[in-house]
């Protein structure tokens, strides 16, 4: 079986991608979004973007994040800050 490389993938026009990736009439999703979460960003830029996650994808991402922080050196008692700024709130 041939291993696929990053160079095998086409270059995606970013403006066209984000224009097609919307809450309604999404042309990027490969199947109906029936479970999970939808995040909307870009409120401060007036260029909204959405990210769709199934429950399984979100669970995998959270587990990976939880494993990555200690692997990067985070230890009990360390202080961290969340610099996420939520738009349109």
N, C-alpha and C. Protein backbone atom coordinates (compact mmCIF):
# COMPACT_ATOMS: atom_id res chain seq x y z
N UNK A 1 0.84 -1.17 0.00
CA UNK A 1 0.00 0.00 0.00
C UNK A 1 0.90 1.25 0.00
N UNK A 2 0.58 2.21 -0.86
CA UNK A 2 1.35 3.43 -0.98
C UNK A 2 1.03 4.37 0.19
N UNK A 3 2.07 4.92 0.79
CA UNK A 3 1.88 5.88 1.87
C UNK A 3 1.64 7.25 1.24
N UNK A 4 0.62 7.96 1.73
CA UNK A 4 0.30 9.28 1.21
C UNK A 4 1.18 10.33 1.89
N UNK A 5 1.57 11.32 1.13
CA UNK A 5 2.41 12.40 1.63
C UNK A 5 1.63 13.71 1.62
N UNK A 6 2.07 14.64 2.43
CA UNK A 6 1.44 15.94 2.47
C UNK A 6 1.46 16.60 1.09
N UNK A 7 2.51 16.37 0.35
CA UNK A 7 2.62 16.96 -0.99
C UNK A 7 1.62 16.36 -1.97
N UNK A 8 0.98 15.25 -1.62
CA UNK A 8 -0.06 14.66 -2.47
C UNK A 8 -1.36 15.45 -2.42
N UNK A 9 -1.52 16.26 -1.39
CA UNK A 9 -2.77 17.00 -1.21
C UNK A 9 -2.76 18.30 -2.02
N UNK A 10 -3.92 18.69 -2.52
CA UNK A 10 -3.97 19.94 -3.28
C UNK A 10 -3.87 21.15 -2.36
N UNK A 11 -3.38 22.25 -2.90
CA UNK A 11 -3.36 23.51 -2.15
C UNK A 11 -4.79 24.06 -2.15
N UNK A 12 -5.28 24.42 -0.99
CA UNK A 12 -6.65 24.92 -0.86
C UNK A 12 -6.64 26.43 -0.77
N UNK A 13 -7.46 27.06 -1.58
CA UNK A 13 -7.62 28.52 -1.51
C UNK A 13 -8.33 28.85 -0.20
N UNK A 14 -7.64 29.54 0.69
CA UNK A 14 -8.17 29.82 2.02
C UNK A 14 -9.46 30.64 2.00
N UNK A 15 -9.52 31.66 1.18
CA UNK A 15 -10.73 32.49 1.11
C UNK A 15 -11.93 31.66 0.65
N UNK A 16 -11.72 30.81 -0.36
CA UNK A 16 -12.81 29.96 -0.85
C UNK A 16 -13.23 28.93 0.19
N UNK A 17 -12.24 28.36 0.91
CA UNK A 17 -12.56 27.38 1.95
C UNK A 17 -13.45 27.99 3.02
N UNK A 18 -13.03 29.14 3.57
CA UNK A 18 -13.79 29.73 4.66
C UNK A 18 -15.14 30.27 4.20
N UNK A 19 -15.24 30.67 2.94
CA UNK A 19 -16.53 31.10 2.40
C UNK A 19 -17.50 29.92 2.29
N UNK A 20 -16.96 28.71 2.05
CA UNK A 20 -17.79 27.51 1.92
C UNK A 20 -18.07 26.84 3.25
N UNK A 21 -17.31 27.18 4.29
CA UNK A 21 -17.44 26.54 5.60
C UNK A 21 -18.31 27.40 6.51
N UNK A 22 -19.61 27.27 6.35
CA UNK A 22 -20.57 28.08 7.10
C UNK A 22 -21.52 27.19 7.90
N UNK A 23 -22.23 27.80 8.84
CA UNK A 23 -23.22 27.05 9.63
C UNK A 23 -24.33 26.52 8.72
N UNK A 24 -24.88 27.38 7.90
CA UNK A 24 -25.95 26.98 6.97
C UNK A 24 -25.33 26.75 5.58
N UNK A 25 -25.79 25.75 4.90
CA UNK A 25 -25.32 25.45 3.55
C UNK A 25 -23.84 25.14 3.49
N UNK A 26 -23.32 24.46 4.48
CA UNK A 26 -21.89 24.13 4.52
C UNK A 26 -21.53 23.25 3.34
N UNK A 27 -20.48 23.60 2.63
CA UNK A 27 -20.04 22.84 1.47
C UNK A 27 -18.71 22.12 1.73
N UNK A 28 -18.25 22.16 3.00
CA UNK A 28 -16.97 21.56 3.36
C UNK A 28 -17.16 20.23 4.10
N UNK A 29 -18.20 20.12 4.90
CA UNK A 29 -18.41 18.89 5.67
C UNK A 29 -18.60 17.70 4.74
N UNK A 30 -18.08 16.57 5.16
CA UNK A 30 -18.20 15.35 4.35
C UNK A 30 -19.41 14.50 4.72
N UNK A 31 -20.09 14.89 5.81
CA UNK A 31 -21.34 14.23 6.19
C UNK A 31 -22.12 15.18 7.09
N UNK A 32 -23.36 14.85 7.35
CA UNK A 32 -24.20 15.69 8.20
C UNK A 32 -23.62 15.73 9.62
N UNK A 33 -23.68 16.89 10.23
CA UNK A 33 -23.19 17.05 11.60
C UNK A 33 -24.37 16.75 12.53
N UNK A 34 -24.35 15.57 13.15
CA UNK A 34 -25.49 15.12 13.96
C UNK A 34 -25.20 15.07 15.45
N UNK A 35 -23.94 15.24 15.84
CA UNK A 35 -23.61 15.24 17.26
C UNK A 35 -22.36 16.08 17.46
N UNK A 36 -22.10 16.45 18.69
CA UNK A 36 -20.87 17.16 18.99
C UNK A 36 -21.04 18.64 19.18
N UNK A 37 -19.99 19.37 18.83
CA UNK A 37 -19.93 20.80 19.08
C UNK A 37 -19.65 21.58 17.81
N UNK A 38 -20.12 22.82 17.79
CA UNK A 38 -19.79 23.75 16.72
C UNK A 38 -19.26 25.01 17.39
N UNK A 39 -18.05 25.41 17.01
CA UNK A 39 -17.46 26.64 17.54
C UNK A 39 -17.48 27.70 16.45
N UNK A 40 -17.83 28.91 16.82
CA UNK A 40 -17.81 30.04 15.89
C UNK A 40 -16.79 31.04 16.41
N UNK A 41 -15.91 31.49 15.54
CA UNK A 41 -14.91 32.48 15.91
C UNK A 41 -14.97 33.64 14.92
N UNK A 42 -14.19 34.65 15.17
CA UNK A 42 -14.08 35.75 14.23
C UNK A 42 -14.99 36.91 14.51
N UNK A 43 -15.61 36.95 15.68
CA UNK A 43 -16.52 38.04 16.01
C UNK A 43 -15.84 39.39 16.01
N UNK A 44 -14.60 39.43 16.46
CA UNK A 44 -13.88 40.70 16.52
C UNK A 44 -13.33 41.10 15.16
N UNK A 45 -13.18 40.14 14.25
CA UNK A 45 -12.66 40.45 12.91
C UNK A 45 -13.78 40.64 11.90
N UNK A 46 -14.99 40.33 12.29
CA UNK A 46 -16.15 40.36 11.39
C UNK A 46 -16.01 39.37 10.24
N UNK A 47 -15.16 38.37 10.43
CA UNK A 47 -15.00 37.29 9.45
C UNK A 47 -15.23 35.96 10.17
N UNK A 48 -16.52 35.64 10.45
CA UNK A 48 -16.81 34.43 11.23
C UNK A 48 -16.30 33.16 10.57
N UNK A 49 -15.79 32.28 11.41
CA UNK A 49 -15.35 30.96 10.98
C UNK A 49 -15.96 29.94 11.92
N UNK A 50 -16.26 28.78 11.41
CA UNK A 50 -16.86 27.74 12.23
C UNK A 50 -16.01 26.48 12.19
N UNK A 51 -16.01 25.77 13.30
CA UNK A 51 -15.31 24.48 13.40
C UNK A 51 -16.29 23.47 13.96
N UNK A 52 -16.47 22.37 13.25
CA UNK A 52 -17.39 21.31 13.63
C UNK A 52 -16.59 20.15 14.22
N UNK A 53 -17.03 19.63 15.36
CA UNK A 53 -16.41 18.46 15.98
C UNK A 53 -17.50 17.47 16.35
N UNK A 54 -17.29 16.19 16.02
CA UNK A 54 -18.19 15.16 16.54
C UNK A 54 -17.83 14.93 18.01
N UNK A 55 -18.68 14.24 18.74
CA UNK A 55 -18.36 13.94 20.13
C UNK A 55 -17.06 13.15 20.23
N UNK A 56 -16.86 12.20 19.32
CA UNK A 56 -15.64 11.40 19.33
C UNK A 56 -14.40 12.23 19.04
N UNK A 57 -14.50 13.15 18.08
CA UNK A 57 -13.37 14.02 17.76
C UNK A 57 -13.02 14.93 18.94
N UNK A 58 -14.06 15.49 19.57
CA UNK A 58 -13.83 16.38 20.71
C UNK A 58 -13.21 15.62 21.87
N UNK A 59 -13.68 14.41 22.12
CA UNK A 59 -13.12 13.58 23.19
C UNK A 59 -11.64 13.28 22.91
N UNK A 60 -11.33 12.91 21.67
CA UNK A 60 -9.94 12.61 21.31
C UNK A 60 -9.06 13.85 21.45
N UNK A 61 -9.57 15.01 21.05
CA UNK A 61 -8.78 16.23 21.14
C UNK A 61 -8.52 16.60 22.61
N UNK A 62 -9.53 16.47 23.45
CA UNK A 62 -9.35 16.79 24.87
C UNK A 62 -8.38 15.82 25.54
N UNK A 63 -8.49 14.53 25.21
CA UNK A 63 -7.55 13.55 25.77
C UNK A 63 -6.12 13.84 25.34
N UNK A 64 -5.94 14.18 24.07
CA UNK A 64 -4.61 14.51 23.56
C UNK A 64 -4.06 15.74 24.26
N UNK A 65 -4.89 16.75 24.43
CA UNK A 65 -4.48 17.98 25.12
C UNK A 65 -4.08 17.67 26.56
N UNK A 66 -4.86 16.83 27.23
CA UNK A 66 -4.57 16.47 28.62
C UNK A 66 -3.25 15.69 28.74
N UNK A 67 -2.91 14.92 27.73
CA UNK A 67 -1.65 14.18 27.74
C UNK A 67 -0.46 15.07 27.34
N UNK A 68 -0.72 16.06 26.50
CA UNK A 68 0.35 16.91 25.97
C UNK A 68 0.90 17.88 27.01
N UNK A 69 0.03 18.45 27.84
CA UNK A 69 0.51 19.44 28.83
C UNK A 69 1.55 18.85 29.78
N UNK A 70 1.29 17.70 30.40
CA UNK A 70 2.33 17.12 31.27
C UNK A 70 3.59 16.72 30.48
N UNK A 71 3.39 16.25 29.24
CA UNK A 71 4.54 15.87 28.42
C UNK A 71 5.41 17.09 28.09
N UNK A 72 4.78 18.27 28.05
CA UNK A 72 5.51 19.51 27.77
C UNK A 72 6.14 20.10 29.03
N UNK A 73 5.88 19.48 30.18
CA UNK A 73 6.53 19.93 31.41
C UNK A 73 5.61 20.54 32.45
N UNK A 74 4.31 20.63 32.18
CA UNK A 74 3.38 21.18 33.16
C UNK A 74 3.28 20.24 34.36
N UNK A 75 3.43 20.78 35.54
CA UNK A 75 3.40 19.97 36.76
C UNK A 75 2.37 20.52 37.74
N UNK A 76 1.96 19.67 38.67
CA UNK A 76 1.00 20.06 39.70
C UNK A 76 1.51 21.33 40.41
N UNK A 77 0.64 22.31 40.54
CA UNK A 77 1.00 23.56 41.20
C UNK A 77 1.45 24.64 40.24
N UNK A 78 1.76 24.29 38.99
CA UNK A 78 2.13 25.31 38.01
C UNK A 78 0.92 26.20 37.72
N UNK A 79 1.18 27.45 37.41
CA UNK A 79 0.10 28.38 37.06
C UNK A 79 0.15 28.64 35.56
N UNK A 80 -1.01 28.59 34.96
CA UNK A 80 -1.11 28.86 33.53
C UNK A 80 -2.24 29.87 33.32
N UNK A 81 -2.26 30.50 32.17
CA UNK A 81 -3.31 31.48 31.84
C UNK A 81 -3.93 31.11 30.52
N UNK A 82 -5.22 31.29 30.42
CA UNK A 82 -5.95 31.09 29.17
C UNK A 82 -6.12 32.47 28.54
N UNK A 83 -5.46 32.71 27.44
CA UNK A 83 -5.52 34.01 26.78
C UNK A 83 -6.54 34.06 25.67
N UNK A 84 -7.45 33.10 25.66
CA UNK A 84 -8.51 33.05 24.65
C UNK A 84 -9.46 34.23 24.85
N UNK A 85 -9.67 34.97 23.80
CA UNK A 85 -10.62 36.09 23.86
C UNK A 85 -11.85 35.71 23.04
N UNK A 86 -12.98 35.61 23.70
CA UNK A 86 -14.21 35.21 23.01
C UNK A 86 -14.84 36.43 22.33
N UNK A 87 -15.08 36.33 21.05
CA UNK A 87 -15.69 37.42 20.31
C UNK A 87 -17.20 37.44 20.48
N UNK A 88 -17.79 38.55 20.26
CA UNK A 88 -19.24 38.77 20.29
C UNK A 88 -19.88 38.41 21.62
N UNK A 89 -19.17 38.50 22.71
CA UNK A 89 -19.77 38.25 24.02
C UNK A 89 -19.94 39.53 24.79
